[in-house]
Amino acid sequence: MFERVIERARCPQCRGGLDTRIFNRADDGHIRDGLALCNGCGAGYPIDNELLLLGVPELMPRGAANDFFAKFSDVIAGRGIS
């Protein structure tokens, strides 16, 4: 995931800007895993295997976000992200 893509992306719920919390980078420097956090409403959107899962939670594939948050729960808690 290119950081410049996230800089241009907007929250689908409130149209606020997104900040990133990077967990892992790919060899080419792209974001492999992380979290995009909305500056407006505080919603969090997973970046999983270089894909930004930017969707309204009710419309996302069942379990996609849950799997991500379970996979990175220690990292998220360790960084004080709620």
C-alpha atoms as a PDB file:
ATOM      1  CA  MET A   1       0.000   0.000   0.000  1.00  0.00           C
ATOM      2  CA  PHE A   2       1.416   3.352  -1.004  1.00  0.00           C
ATOM      3  CA  GLU A   3       1.330   5.976   1.749  1.00  0.00           C
ATOM      4  CA  ARG A   4       0.287   8.620  -0.785  1.00  0.00           C
ATOM      5  CA  VAL A   5      -2.884   6.641  -1.530  1.00  0.00           C
ATOM      6  CA  ILE A   6      -3.872   6.726   2.132  1.00  0.00           C
ATOM      7  CA  GLU A   7      -3.111  10.450   2.300  1.00  0.00           C
ATOM      8  CA  ARG A   8      -5.733  11.009  -0.424  1.00  0.00           C
ATOM      9  CA  ALA A   9      -8.282   8.511   0.890  1.00  0.00           C
ATOM     10  CA  ARG A  10     -11.252   9.597   3.010  1.00  0.00           C
ATOM     11  CA  CYS A  11     -13.308   7.846   5.640  1.00  0.00           C
ATOM     12  CA  PRO A  12     -16.422   6.326   4.047  1.00  0.00           C
ATOM     13  CA  GLN A  13     -18.467   7.164   7.148  1.00  0.00           C
ATOM     14  CA  CYS A  14     -17.676  10.858   7.691  1.00  0.00           C
ATOM     15  CA  ARG A  15     -15.277  11.844   4.842  1.00  0.00           C
ATOM     16  CA  GLY A  16     -12.541  12.732   7.355  1.00  0.00           C
ATOM     17  CA  GLY A  17      -8.840  12.374   6.559  1.00  0.00           C
ATOM     18  CA  LEU A  18      -6.888   9.275   7.552  1.00  0.00           C
ATOM     19  CA  ASP A  19      -3.694   8.853   9.587  1.00  0.00           C
ATOM     20  CA  THR A  20      -1.682   5.647   9.417  1.00  0.00           C
ATOM     21  CA  ARG A  21      -0.194   3.434  12.080  1.00  0.00           C
ATOM     22  CA  ILE A  22       2.297   1.157  10.337  1.00  0.00           C
ATOM     23  CA  PHE A  23       2.880  -2.312  11.804  1.00  0.00           C
ATOM     24  CA  ASN A  24       5.007  -3.890   9.040  1.00  0.00           C
ATOM     25  CA  ARG A  25       6.611  -2.700   5.809  1.00  0.00           C
ATOM     26  CA  ALA A  26       7.216  -4.729   2.660  1.00  0.00           C
ATOM     27  CA  ASP A  27      10.753  -5.040   1.246  1.00  0.00           C
ATOM     28  CA  ASP A  28       9.949  -2.280  -1.267  1.00  0.00           C
ATOM     29  CA  GLY A  29       8.948   0.125   1.536  1.00  0.00           C
ATOM     30  CA  HIS A  30       5.194  -0.094   1.018  1.00  0.00           C
ATOM     31  CA  ILE A  31       2.914  -0.552   4.007  1.00  0.00           C
ATOM     32  CA  ARG A  32       2.283  -4.282   4.389  1.00  0.00           C
ATOM     33  CA  ASP A  33       0.186  -4.162   7.564  1.00  0.00           C
ATOM     34  CA  GLY A  34      -1.180  -1.303   9.591  1.00  0.00           C
ATOM     35  CA  LEU A  35      -4.212   0.725  10.478  1.00  0.00           C
ATOM     36  CA  ALA A  36      -5.726   3.829   8.883  1.00  0.00           C
ATOM     37  CA  LEU A  37      -7.458   5.937  11.539  1.00  0.00           C
ATOM     38  CA  CYS A  38     -10.048   8.603  10.739  1.00  0.00           C
ATOM     39  CA  ASN A  39      -9.291  12.092  12.062  1.00  0.00           C
ATOM     40  CA  GLY A  40     -13.016  12.875  12.129  1.00  0.00           C
ATOM     41  CA  CYS A  41     -14.982  10.008  13.641  1.00  0.00           C
ATOM     42  CA  GLY A  42     -12.137   7.794  14.893  1.00  0.00           C
ATOM     43  CA  ALA A  43     -13.030   4.753  12.783  1.00  0.00           C
ATOM     44  CA  GLY A  44     -10.191   2.345  12.075  1.00  0.00           C
ATOM     45  CA  TYR A  45      -9.567   0.611   8.742  1.00  0.00           C
ATOM     46  CA  PRO A  46      -7.161  -2.321   8.439  1.00  0.00           C
ATOM     47  CA  ILE A  47      -4.260  -2.384   6.005  1.00  0.00           C
ATOM     48  CA  ASP A  48      -3.766  -6.117   5.576  1.00  0.00           C
ATOM     49  CA  ASN A  49      -1.175  -7.604   3.216  1.00  0.00           C
ATOM     50  CA  GLU A  50      -0.844  -4.226   1.409  1.00  0.00           C
ATOM     51  CA  LEU A  51      -4.626  -3.817   0.940  1.00  0.00           C
ATOM     52  CA  LEU A  52      -6.577  -1.024   2.642  1.00  0.00           C
ATOM     53  CA  LEU A  53      -9.932  -2.444   3.732  1.00  0.00           C
ATOM     54  CA  LEU A  54     -11.743   0.839   3.390  1.00  0.00           C
ATOM     55  CA  GLY A  55     -15.402   0.024   3.780  1.00  0.00           C
ATOM     56  CA  VAL A  56     -18.342   0.543   6.047  1.00  0.00           C
ATOM     57  CA  PRO A  57     -18.053  -2.273   8.613  1.00  0.00           C
ATOM     58  CA  GLU A  58     -21.551  -3.558   7.928  1.00  0.00           C
ATOM     59  CA  LEU A  59     -20.667  -4.088   4.242  1.00  0.00           C
ATOM     60  CA  MET A  60     -17.260  -5.713   4.708  1.00  0.00           C
ATOM     61  CA  PRO A  61     -16.841  -9.472   4.269  1.00  0.00           C
ATOM     62  CA  ARG A  62     -17.861 -11.214   7.442  1.00  0.00           C
ATOM     63  CA  GLY A  63     -14.884 -11.682   9.713  1.00  0.00           C
ATOM     64  CA  ALA A  64     -12.369  -9.700   7.607  1.00  0.00           C
ATOM     65  CA  ALA A  65     -11.894  -6.949  10.173  1.00  0.00           C
ATOM     66  CA  ASN A  66     -12.211  -9.366  13.109  1.00  0.00           C
ATOM     67  CA  ASP A  67      -9.430 -11.551  11.699  1.00  0.00           C
ATOM     68  CA  PHE A  68      -7.176  -8.522  11.254  1.00  0.00           C
ATOM     69  CA  PHE A  69      -7.787  -7.146  14.741  1.00  0.00           C
ATOM     70  CA  ALA A  70      -7.238 -10.578  16.284  1.00  0.00           C
ATOM     71  CA  LYS A  71      -3.978 -10.981  14.332  1.00  0.00           C
ATOM     72  CA  PHE A  72      -2.627  -7.591  15.473  1.00  0.00           C
ATOM     73  CA  SER A  73      -4.311  -7.220  18.882  1.00  0.00           C
ATOM     74  CA  ASP A  74      -0.976  -7.136  20.753  1.00  0.00           C
ATOM     75  CA  VAL A  75       0.470  -4.480  18.421  1.00  0.00           C
ATOM     76  CA  ILE A  76      -2.677  -2.357  18.626  1.00  0.00           C
ATOM     77  CA  ALA A  77      -2.825  -2.569  22.421  1.00  0.00           C
ATOM     78  CA  GLY A  78       0.902  -1.886  22.719  1.00  0.00           C
ATOM     79  CA  ARG A  79       0.524   1.348  20.762  1.00  0.00           C
ATOM     80  CA  GLY A  80      -2.447   2.567  22.760  1.00  0.00           C
ATOM     81  CA  ILE A  81      -4.843   2.412  19.820  1.00  0.00           C
ATOM     82  CA  SER A  82      -8.438   1.873  20.891  1.00  0.00           C
END
